[in-house]
Amino acid sequence: MNLCIGFLELNSIAKGVEAADRILKTAETELIFAKAGCPGKYYILFSGEVAAVTSSLEAGKEMGGAHVVDSVVIPSVHPMVISAINQAVEPVPVNALGVMEFFSVTASVWAADAAVKAAEVDLMDVRLGTGIGGKSFVILSGDVAAVHEAVEAGCRTAAESGLLVSQVVIPNPKAAVFNSLL
């Protein structure tokens, strides 16, 4: 089954809690998580059928009003994205390491999905703004060419919207650098 997810990022914890409740009351959706992050943001990740996720996200955005920072519906999210968000990915041998950094947490979720759909890479982590000033980053690995292709695809939308901070591809990273990311 293809998993559809919705992600809503707000700059108010109180409005975030209220938006999460509205999301779950609007249509049949399942909460993956709703939590506070830095600096005082609130993140809501939920799943369900495409129509339910879309209508619930719209209701959450309406409830959040001016506190909405960013949002996305990904109709057929790659399973690696959810595993990487939950930091449940086993380390694999690394030929190249890619890191994509964003101002928006939502941008990292969107970029992670685009990256793993664009090339044969392993998504290692999607770090969602806690303890890093509300920014986010994605770490992926694979062959050098695949990592370049995935990072390019992942950064495309965020670069257009101004949410991309930086991106790097490191061929043959030193083990200590790789291990520091886990």
N, C-alpha and C. Protein backbone atom coordinates (compact mmCIF):
# COMPACT_ATOMS: atom_id res chain seq x y z
N MET A 1 0.84 -1.18 0.00
CA MET A 1 0.00 0.00 0.00
C MET A 1 0.88 1.24 0.00
N ASN A 2 0.53 2.24 -0.79
CA ASN A 2 1.25 3.50 -0.81
C ASN A 2 0.79 4.36 0.35
N LEU A 3 1.74 4.89 1.09
CA LEU A 3 1.43 5.71 2.24
C LEU A 3 1.41 7.17 1.84
N CYS A 4 0.33 7.84 2.15
CA CYS A 4 0.23 9.29 1.94
C CYS A 4 0.47 9.95 3.28
N ILE A 5 1.34 10.97 3.29
CA ILE A 5 1.57 11.70 4.53
C ILE A 5 1.26 13.18 4.34
N GLY A 6 0.94 13.80 5.44
CA GLY A 6 0.80 15.24 5.51
C GLY A 6 1.74 15.74 6.59
N PHE A 7 2.34 16.88 6.36
CA PHE A 7 3.25 17.46 7.34
C PHE A 7 2.91 18.93 7.47
N LEU A 8 2.73 19.37 8.72
CA LEU A 8 2.40 20.77 8.98
C LEU A 8 3.39 21.30 10.01
N GLU A 9 3.98 22.45 9.71
CA GLU A 9 4.97 23.10 10.58
C GLU A 9 4.42 24.47 10.98
N LEU A 10 4.37 24.71 12.28
CA LEU A 10 3.86 25.98 12.79
C LEU A 10 4.89 26.64 13.71
N ASN A 11 4.78 27.95 13.90
CA ASN A 11 5.70 28.65 14.79
C ASN A 11 5.06 28.95 16.14
N SER A 12 4.00 28.25 16.47
CA SER A 12 3.34 28.36 17.77
C SER A 12 3.01 26.96 18.27
N ILE A 13 3.44 26.66 19.48
CA ILE A 13 3.16 25.34 20.06
C ILE A 13 1.68 25.21 20.36
N ALA A 14 1.08 26.23 20.98
CA ALA A 14 -0.34 26.16 21.32
C ALA A 14 -1.22 25.98 20.08
N LYS A 15 -0.95 26.78 19.04
CA LYS A 15 -1.74 26.64 17.80
C LYS A 15 -1.44 25.30 17.13
N GLY A 16 -0.22 24.79 17.31
CA GLY A 16 0.12 23.48 16.76
C GLY A 16 -0.68 22.36 17.39
N VAL A 17 -0.83 22.41 18.69
CA VAL A 17 -1.63 21.40 19.39
C VAL A 17 -3.07 21.47 18.91
N GLU A 18 -3.59 22.68 18.79
CA GLU A 18 -4.96 22.87 18.32
C GLU A 18 -5.12 22.39 16.88
N ALA A 19 -4.13 22.67 16.03
CA ALA A 19 -4.18 22.22 14.63
C ALA A 19 -4.11 20.70 14.54
N ALA A 20 -3.30 20.06 15.39
CA ALA A 20 -3.22 18.59 15.39
C ALA A 20 -4.57 17.98 15.71
N ASP A 21 -5.25 18.55 16.69
CA ASP A 21 -6.58 18.05 17.05
C ASP A 21 -7.55 18.22 15.89
N ARG A 22 -7.52 19.37 15.23
CA ARG A 22 -8.41 19.62 14.09
C ARG A 22 -8.10 18.65 12.95
N ILE A 23 -6.82 18.40 12.69
CA ILE A 23 -6.41 17.46 11.63
C ILE A 23 -7.03 16.09 11.86
N LEU A 24 -6.92 15.59 13.09
CA LEU A 24 -7.44 14.25 13.40
C LEU A 24 -8.96 14.19 13.44
N LYS A 25 -9.61 15.31 13.70
CA LYS A 25 -11.08 15.35 13.74
C LYS A 25 -11.70 15.58 12.37
N THR A 26 -10.92 16.07 11.41
CA THR A 26 -11.47 16.42 10.10
C THR A 26 -11.74 15.21 9.23
N ALA A 27 -10.82 14.27 9.20
CA ALA A 27 -10.97 13.08 8.34
C ALA A 27 -10.21 11.93 8.98
N GLU A 28 -10.40 10.75 8.44
CA GLU A 28 -9.75 9.57 9.01
C GLU A 28 -8.26 9.57 8.67
N THR A 29 -7.49 10.06 9.63
CA THR A 29 -6.04 10.10 9.50
C THR A 29 -5.43 9.52 10.76
N GLU A 30 -4.16 9.13 10.65
CA GLU A 30 -3.44 8.57 11.80
C GLU A 30 -2.25 9.46 12.11
N LEU A 31 -2.14 9.83 13.36
CA LEU A 31 -1.04 10.68 13.80
C LEU A 31 0.24 9.85 13.91
N ILE A 32 1.27 10.23 13.19
CA ILE A 32 2.58 9.58 13.32
C ILE A 32 3.32 10.25 14.47
N PHE A 33 3.33 11.59 14.49
CA PHE A 33 3.79 12.32 15.66
C PHE A 33 3.33 13.76 15.58
N ALA A 34 3.27 14.38 16.74
CA ALA A 34 3.02 15.81 16.89
C ALA A 34 3.89 16.23 18.05
N LYS A 35 4.83 17.17 17.79
CA LYS A 35 5.76 17.52 18.86
C LYS A 35 6.33 18.92 18.67
N ALA A 36 6.77 19.47 19.79
CA ALA A 36 7.42 20.77 19.79
C ALA A 36 8.87 20.60 19.38
N GLY A 37 9.42 21.62 18.74
CA GLY A 37 10.82 21.63 18.35
C GLY A 37 11.37 23.03 18.54
N CYS A 38 12.58 23.22 18.15
CA CYS A 38 13.25 24.53 18.30
C CYS A 38 12.94 25.40 17.09
N PRO A 39 12.96 26.66 17.17
CA PRO A 39 12.80 27.49 18.37
C PRO A 39 11.32 27.79 18.60
N GLY A 40 10.66 26.96 19.35
CA GLY A 40 9.24 27.13 19.63
C GLY A 40 8.32 26.77 18.49
N LYS A 41 8.78 25.87 17.62
CA LYS A 41 7.94 25.41 16.51
C LYS A 41 7.15 24.17 16.94
N TYR A 42 6.19 23.79 16.14
CA TYR A 42 5.41 22.58 16.39
C TYR A 42 5.26 21.85 15.06
N TYR A 43 5.53 20.53 15.08
CA TYR A 43 5.53 19.71 13.88
C TYR A 43 4.47 18.62 13.99
N ILE A 44 3.70 18.45 12.92
CA ILE A 44 2.65 17.44 12.89
C ILE A 44 2.85 16.59 11.64
N LEU A 45 3.03 15.29 11.83
CA LEU A 45 3.17 14.33 10.73
C LEU A 45 2.06 13.30 10.88
N PHE A 46 1.28 13.13 9.82
CA PHE A 46 0.15 12.21 9.88
C PHE A 46 -0.03 11.52 8.54
N SER A 47 -0.81 10.43 8.53
CA SER A 47 -0.98 9.65 7.31
C SER A 47 -2.44 9.27 7.12
N GLY A 48 -2.73 8.74 5.92
CA GLY A 48 -4.06 8.28 5.59
C GLY A 48 -4.22 8.24 4.08
N GLU A 49 -5.45 8.12 3.63
CA GLU A 49 -5.74 8.18 2.21
C GLU A 49 -5.51 9.61 1.72
N VAL A 50 -5.21 9.76 0.44
CA VAL A 50 -4.85 11.07 -0.11
C VAL A 50 -5.92 12.13 0.18
N ALA A 51 -7.17 11.82 -0.08
CA ALA A 51 -8.24 12.81 0.13
C ALA A 51 -8.35 13.19 1.60
N ALA A 52 -8.23 12.22 2.48
CA ALA A 52 -8.33 12.49 3.92
C ALA A 52 -7.16 13.35 4.40
N VAL A 53 -5.96 13.02 3.94
CA VAL A 53 -4.77 13.79 4.34
C VAL A 53 -4.88 15.21 3.80
N THR A 54 -5.30 15.36 2.56
CA THR A 54 -5.42 16.68 1.95
C THR A 54 -6.43 17.55 2.69
N SER A 55 -7.61 17.01 2.97
CA SER A 55 -8.63 17.81 3.66
C SER A 55 -8.22 18.09 5.11
N SER A 56 -7.58 17.12 5.77
CA SER A 56 -7.12 17.35 7.14
C SER A 56 -6.03 18.41 7.20
N LEU A 57 -5.11 18.38 6.23
CA LEU A 57 -4.05 19.38 6.21
C LEU A 57 -4.63 20.78 6.00
N GLU A 58 -5.59 20.90 5.10
CA GLU A 58 -6.22 22.20 4.87
C GLU A 58 -6.90 22.70 6.15
N ALA A 59 -7.56 21.80 6.87
CA ALA A 59 -8.22 22.19 8.13
C ALA A 59 -7.17 22.61 9.17
N GLY A 60 -6.05 21.89 9.21
CA GLY A 60 -4.98 22.24 10.15
C GLY A 60 -4.36 23.58 9.81
N LYS A 61 -4.17 23.84 8.52
CA LYS A 61 -3.62 25.13 8.09
C LYS A 61 -4.58 26.27 8.44
N GLU A 62 -5.87 26.03 8.25
CA GLU A 62 -6.87 27.05 8.59
C GLU A 62 -6.83 27.34 10.09
N MET A 63 -6.72 26.30 10.89
CA MET A 63 -6.67 26.47 12.34
C MET A 63 -5.38 27.19 12.74
N GLY A 64 -4.28 26.88 12.09
CA GLY A 64 -2.99 27.49 12.41
C GLY A 64 -2.88 28.93 11.97
N GLY A 65 -3.61 29.29 10.93
CA GLY A 65 -3.63 30.66 10.43
C GLY A 65 -2.25 31.23 10.16
N ALA A 66 -1.99 32.39 10.72
CA ALA A 66 -0.73 33.09 10.49
C ALA A 66 0.47 32.38 11.11
N HIS A 67 0.24 31.35 11.90
CA HIS A 67 1.33 30.60 12.55
C HIS A 67 1.87 29.47 11.68
N VAL A 68 1.27 29.24 10.52
CA VAL A 68 1.75 28.18 9.63
C VAL A 68 3.05 28.64 8.96
N VAL A 69 4.09 27.81 9.09
CA VAL A 69 5.38 28.09 8.47
C VAL A 69 5.46 27.42 7.11
N ASP A 70 5.05 26.15 7.04
CA ASP A 70 5.16 25.39 5.80
C ASP A 70 4.30 24.14 5.94
N SER A 71 3.97 23.52 4.80
CA SER A 71 3.18 22.29 4.82
C SER A 71 3.40 21.54 3.52
N VAL A 72 3.09 20.25 3.56
CA VAL A 72 3.20 19.44 2.34
C VAL A 72 2.33 18.20 2.49
N VAL A 73 1.79 17.75 1.35
CA VAL A 73 1.15 16.45 1.23
C VAL A 73 2.00 15.66 0.24
N ILE A 74 2.43 14.47 0.64
CA ILE A 74 3.19 13.61 -0.27
C ILE A 74 2.35 12.36 -0.47
N PRO A 75 1.70 12.23 -1.65
CA PRO A 75 0.74 11.15 -1.88
C PRO A 75 1.32 9.74 -1.80
N SER A 76 2.53 9.55 -2.18
CA SER A 76 3.10 8.20 -2.16
C SER A 76 4.52 8.29 -1.62
N VAL A 77 4.62 8.59 -0.33
CA VAL A 77 5.92 8.81 0.29
C VAL A 77 6.75 7.53 0.26
N HIS A 78 8.04 7.68 0.02
CA HIS A 78 8.95 6.54 0.03
C HIS A 78 9.08 6.05 1.47
N PRO A 79 8.99 4.73 1.71
CA PRO A 79 9.05 4.18 3.08
C PRO A 79 10.32 4.58 3.84
N MET A 80 11.43 4.82 3.13
CA MET A 80 12.66 5.21 3.81
C MET A 80 12.53 6.55 4.52
N VAL A 81 11.63 7.40 4.06
CA VAL A 81 11.47 8.72 4.68
C VAL A 81 10.98 8.57 6.12
N ILE A 82 9.97 7.76 6.32
CA ILE A 82 9.43 7.56 7.67
C ILE A 82 10.47 6.89 8.57
N SER A 83 11.18 5.90 8.06
CA SER A 83 12.23 5.24 8.84
C SER A 83 13.32 6.22 9.24
N ALA A 84 13.72 7.09 8.32
CA ALA A 84 14.79 8.05 8.61
C ALA A 84 14.33 9.12 9.60
N ILE A 85 13.08 9.54 9.51
CA ILE A 85 12.55 10.50 10.47
C ILE A 85 12.57 9.89 11.86
N ASN A 86 12.24 8.63 11.95
CA ASN A 86 12.22 7.93 13.24
C ASN A 86 13.61 7.44 13.65
N GLN A 87 14.63 7.76 12.87
CA GLN A 87 16.02 7.36 13.11
C GLN A 87 16.13 5.86 13.34
N ALA A 88 15.45 5.10 12.48
CA ALA A 88 15.44 3.65 12.59
C ALA A 88 16.14 2.99 11.41
N VAL A 89 17.17 3.65 10.88
CA VAL A 89 17.87 3.16 9.71
C VAL A 89 19.20 2.55 10.14
N GLU A 90 19.47 1.35 9.65
CA GLU A 90 20.75 0.69 9.94
C GLU A 90 21.85 1.29 9.09
N PRO A 91 23.02 1.55 9.68
CA PRO A 91 24.13 2.08 8.87
C PRO A 91 24.58 1.08 7.82
N VAL A 92 24.98 1.59 6.68
CA VAL A 92 25.46 0.75 5.57
C VAL A 92 26.82 1.28 5.13
N PRO A 93 27.61 0.47 4.42
CA PRO A 93 28.88 0.99 3.91
C PRO A 93 28.65 2.22 3.03
N VAL A 94 29.55 3.19 3.13
CA VAL A 94 29.34 4.48 2.48
C VAL A 94 30.43 4.75 1.44
N ASN A 95 29.99 4.96 0.19
CA ASN A 95 30.90 5.42 -0.87
C ASN A 95 30.88 6.94 -0.94
N ALA A 96 29.72 7.50 -0.69
CA ALA A 96 29.56 8.96 -0.69
C ALA A 96 28.49 9.32 0.32
N LEU A 97 28.61 10.51 0.86
CA LEU A 97 27.68 11.02 1.85
C LEU A 97 27.10 12.31 1.31
N GLY A 98 25.78 12.45 1.38
CA GLY A 98 25.12 13.68 0.97
C GLY A 98 24.41 14.30 2.15
N VAL A 99 24.52 15.61 2.29
CA VAL A 99 23.83 16.33 3.35
C VAL A 99 23.11 17.51 2.72
N MET A 100 21.81 17.62 3.02
CA MET A 100 20.99 18.74 2.55
C MET A 100 20.47 19.45 3.80
N GLU A 101 20.65 20.78 3.87
CA GLU A 101 20.27 21.55 5.05
C GLU A 101 19.23 22.61 4.65
N PHE A 102 18.20 22.76 5.50
CA PHE A 102 17.08 23.63 5.17
C PHE A 102 16.68 24.54 6.33
N PHE A 103 16.07 25.67 6.01
CA PHE A 103 15.50 26.55 7.02
C PHE A 103 14.18 25.99 7.55
N SER A 104 13.48 25.22 6.76
CA SER A 104 12.17 24.67 7.11
C SER A 104 12.28 23.18 7.34
N VAL A 105 11.62 22.69 8.37
CA VAL A 105 11.58 21.25 8.61
C VAL A 105 10.76 20.56 7.52
N THR A 106 9.69 21.18 7.10
CA THR A 106 8.86 20.63 6.03
C THR A 106 9.68 20.40 4.77
N ALA A 107 10.57 21.34 4.46
CA ALA A 107 11.40 21.21 3.26
C ALA A 107 12.27 19.95 3.32
N SER A 108 12.72 19.57 4.50
CA SER A 108 13.56 18.37 4.59
C SER A 108 12.75 17.10 4.33
N VAL A 109 11.51 17.05 4.78
CA VAL A 109 10.66 15.89 4.52
C VAL A 109 10.42 15.76 3.02
N TRP A 110 10.09 16.85 2.39
CA TRP A 110 9.83 16.89 0.96
C TRP A 110 11.10 16.53 0.19
N ALA A 111 12.23 17.09 0.58
CA ALA A 111 13.50 16.82 -0.10
C ALA A 111 13.94 15.37 0.06
N ALA A 112 13.74 14.81 1.24
CA ALA A 112 14.12 13.41 1.48
C ALA A 112 13.34 12.49 0.54
N ASP A 113 12.06 12.74 0.40
CA ASP A 113 11.24 11.92 -0.48
C ASP A 113 11.69 12.06 -1.93
N ALA A 114 11.91 13.28 -2.37
CA ALA A 114 12.36 13.52 -3.76
C ALA A 114 13.71 12.86 -4.01
N ALA A 115 14.61 12.93 -3.04
CA ALA A 115 15.95 12.37 -3.21
C ALA A 115 15.93 10.86 -3.37
N VAL A 116 15.20 10.16 -2.51
CA VAL A 116 15.20 8.69 -2.59
C VAL A 116 14.40 8.18 -3.78
N LYS A 117 13.53 9.00 -4.33
CA LYS A 117 12.81 8.62 -5.54
C LYS A 117 13.63 8.90 -6.79
N ALA A 118 14.62 9.78 -6.69
CA ALA A 118 15.42 10.18 -7.86
C ALA A 118 16.60 9.25 -8.14
N ALA A 119 17.12 8.61 -7.10
CA ALA A 119 18.34 7.81 -7.29
C ALA A 119 18.39 6.68 -6.26
N GLU A 120 19.21 5.70 -6.55
CA GLU A 120 19.39 4.55 -5.67
C GLU A 120 20.35 4.93 -4.54
N VAL A 121 19.77 5.50 -3.46
CA VAL A 121 20.54 5.91 -2.29
C VAL A 121 19.88 5.35 -1.04
N ASP A 122 20.62 5.39 0.05
CA ASP A 122 20.07 5.01 1.36
C ASP A 122 19.86 6.27 2.17
N LEU A 123 18.64 6.47 2.61
CA LEU A 123 18.32 7.62 3.43
C LEU A 123 18.64 7.25 4.87
N MET A 124 19.56 7.98 5.47
CA MET A 124 20.03 7.63 6.80
C MET A 124 19.32 8.39 7.92
N ASP A 125 19.03 9.67 7.69
CA ASP A 125 18.44 10.48 8.75
C ASP A 125 17.72 11.68 8.15
N VAL A 126 16.59 12.03 8.74
CA VAL A 126 15.90 13.28 8.47
C VAL A 126 15.76 13.94 9.83
N ARG A 127 16.62 14.91 10.11
CA ARG A 127 16.66 15.56 11.43
C ARG A 127 15.73 16.75 11.43
N LEU A 128 14.76 16.73 12.33
CA LEU A 128 13.67 17.69 12.30
C LEU A 128 13.79 18.82 13.31
N GLY A 129 14.79 19.63 13.21
CA GLY A 129 14.84 20.91 13.88
C GLY A 129 14.99 20.96 15.38
N THR A 130 15.05 19.85 16.09
CA THR A 130 15.18 19.90 17.53
C THR A 130 16.65 20.07 17.91
N GLY A 131 16.93 21.13 18.63
CA GLY A 131 18.28 21.39 19.08
C GLY A 131 19.18 22.03 18.03
N ILE A 132 18.62 22.40 16.88
CA ILE A 132 19.42 23.03 15.83
C ILE A 132 18.75 24.29 15.31
N GLY A 133 18.11 25.00 16.21
CA GLY A 133 17.54 26.30 15.88
C GLY A 133 16.40 26.27 14.90
N GLY A 134 15.67 25.16 14.81
CA GLY A 134 14.53 25.08 13.91
C GLY A 134 14.88 24.72 12.49
N LYS A 135 16.17 24.61 12.18
CA LYS A 135 16.55 24.16 10.85
C LYS A 135 16.42 22.64 10.80
N SER A 136 16.68 22.07 9.65
CA SER A 136 16.60 20.62 9.49
C SER A 136 17.66 20.18 8.50
N PHE A 137 17.95 18.87 8.51
CA PHE A 137 18.86 18.36 7.50
C PHE A 137 18.56 16.90 7.20
N VAL A 138 19.02 16.48 6.03
CA VAL A 138 18.82 15.13 5.53
C VAL A 138 20.20 14.56 5.25
N ILE A 139 20.42 13.31 5.65
CA ILE A 139 21.68 12.62 5.37
C ILE A 139 21.36 11.38 4.55
N LEU A 140 22.08 11.22 3.44
CA LEU A 140 21.90 10.04 2.61
C LEU A 140 23.25 9.54 2.14
N SER A 141 23.27 8.29 1.70
CA SER A 141 24.53 7.70 1.25
C SER A 141 24.28 6.81 0.04
N GLY A 142 25.36 6.46 -0.64
CA GLY A 142 25.29 5.60 -1.81
C GLY A 142 26.49 5.84 -2.69
N ASP A 143 26.39 5.42 -3.95
CA ASP A 143 27.46 5.69 -4.91
C ASP A 143 27.53 7.19 -5.18
N VAL A 144 28.71 7.67 -5.52
CA VAL A 144 28.92 9.11 -5.70
C VAL A 144 27.92 9.71 -6.70
N ALA A 145 27.77 9.11 -7.85
CA ALA A 145 26.86 9.66 -8.87
C ALA A 145 25.41 9.67 -8.38
N ALA A 146 25.00 8.60 -7.71
CA ALA A 146 23.63 8.52 -7.19
C ALA A 146 23.39 9.58 -6.11
N VAL A 147 24.37 9.78 -5.24
CA VAL A 147 24.22 10.78 -4.19
C VAL A 147 24.12 12.18 -4.80
N HIS A 148 24.95 12.48 -5.80
CA HIS A 148 24.86 13.77 -6.49
C HIS A 148 23.46 13.96 -7.08
N GLU A 149 22.96 12.95 -7.77
CA GLU A 149 21.64 13.03 -8.39
C GLU A 149 20.54 13.22 -7.34
N ALA A 150 20.62 12.46 -6.25
CA ALA A 150 19.60 12.54 -5.20
C ALA A 150 19.62 13.91 -4.51
N VAL A 151 20.81 14.42 -4.20
CA VAL A 151 20.91 15.72 -3.55
C VAL A 151 20.38 16.82 -4.47
N GLU A 152 20.71 16.75 -5.74
CA GLU A 152 20.21 17.75 -6.69
C GLU A 152 18.68 17.73 -6.73
N ALA A 153 18.10 16.54 -6.82
CA ALA A 153 16.64 16.42 -6.87
C ALA A 153 16.00 16.88 -5.56
N GLY A 154 16.61 16.52 -4.44
CA GLY A 154 16.07 16.89 -3.15
C GLY A 154 16.09 18.38 -2.87
N CYS A 155 17.10 19.05 -3.39
CA CYS A 155 17.26 20.49 -3.12
C CYS A 155 16.51 21.39 -4.09
N ARG A 156 16.09 20.86 -5.20
CA ARG A 156 15.48 21.68 -6.25
C ARG A 156 14.34 22.56 -5.75
N THR A 157 13.34 21.99 -5.12
CA THR A 157 12.18 22.76 -4.68
C THR A 157 12.54 23.75 -3.59
N ALA A 158 13.34 23.31 -2.62
CA ALA A 158 13.72 24.20 -1.52
C ALA A 158 14.56 25.37 -2.01
N ALA A 159 15.39 25.14 -3.00
CA ALA A 159 16.21 26.23 -3.55
C ALA A 159 15.32 27.27 -4.21
N GLU A 160 14.29 26.81 -4.92
CA GLU A 160 13.37 27.73 -5.59
C GLU A 160 12.58 28.57 -4.59
N SER A 161 12.26 27.99 -3.43
CA SER A 161 11.46 28.71 -2.43
C SER A 161 12.32 29.48 -1.43
N GLY A 162 13.63 29.37 -1.53
CA GLY A 162 14.52 30.08 -0.62
C GLY A 162 14.73 29.38 0.70
N LEU A 163 14.33 28.12 0.84
CA LEU A 163 14.44 27.40 2.10
C LEU A 163 15.71 26.56 2.20
N LEU A 164 16.49 26.49 1.12
CA LEU A 164 17.74 25.72 1.14
C LEU A 164 18.83 26.55 1.80
N VAL A 165 19.52 25.94 2.78
CA VAL A 165 20.65 26.60 3.42
C VAL A 165 21.94 26.21 2.70
N SER A 166 22.16 24.90 2.58
CA SER A 166 23.39 24.41 1.96
C SER A 166 23.23 22.94 1.60
N GLN A 167 24.13 22.48 0.75
CA GLN A 167 24.14 21.07 0.36
C GLN A 167 25.58 20.66 0.08
N VAL A 168 25.91 19.42 0.42
CA VAL A 168 27.25 18.90 0.13
C VAL A 168 27.15 17.44 -0.25
N VAL A 169 28.11 17.02 -1.07
CA VAL A 169 28.31 15.60 -1.37
C VAL A 169 29.78 15.34 -1.07
N ILE A 170 30.04 14.36 -0.23
CA ILE A 170 31.40 14.03 0.19
C ILE A 170 31.74 12.63 -0.28
N PRO A 171 32.60 12.50 -1.30
CA PRO A 171 33.03 11.17 -1.74
C PRO A 171 33.96 10.55 -0.69
N ASN A 172 33.82 9.27 -0.46
CA ASN A 172 34.67 8.53 0.48
C ASN A 172 34.88 9.25 1.81
N PRO A 173 33.80 9.51 2.54
CA PRO A 173 33.96 10.23 3.81
C PRO A 173 34.77 9.41 4.81
N LYS A 174 35.52 10.08 5.64
CA LYS A 174 36.25 9.42 6.71
C LYS A 174 35.25 8.78 7.65
N ALA A 175 35.59 7.63 8.17
CA ALA A 175 34.69 6.88 9.06
C ALA A 175 34.27 7.71 10.26
N ALA A 176 35.18 8.51 10.81
CA ALA A 176 34.85 9.31 11.98
C ALA A 176 33.77 10.35 11.66
N VAL A 177 33.81 10.93 10.48
CA VAL A 177 32.78 11.90 10.08
C VAL A 177 31.45 11.18 9.93
N PHE A 178 31.47 10.07 9.23
CA PHE A 178 30.25 9.28 9.03
C PHE A 178 29.66 8.87 10.37
N ASN A 179 30.47 8.33 11.26
CA ASN A 179 30.00 7.85 12.55
C ASN A 179 29.48 8.98 13.44
N SER A 180 30.00 10.19 13.27
CA SER A 180 29.53 11.31 14.09
C SER A 180 28.09 11.70 13.74
N LEU A 181 27.63 11.29 12.60
CA LEU A 181 26.27 11.62 12.16
C LEU A 181 25.23 10.64 12.66
N LEU A 182 25.66 9.50 13.13
CA LEU A 182 24.71 8.45 13.56
C LEU A 182 24.26 8.65 14.98
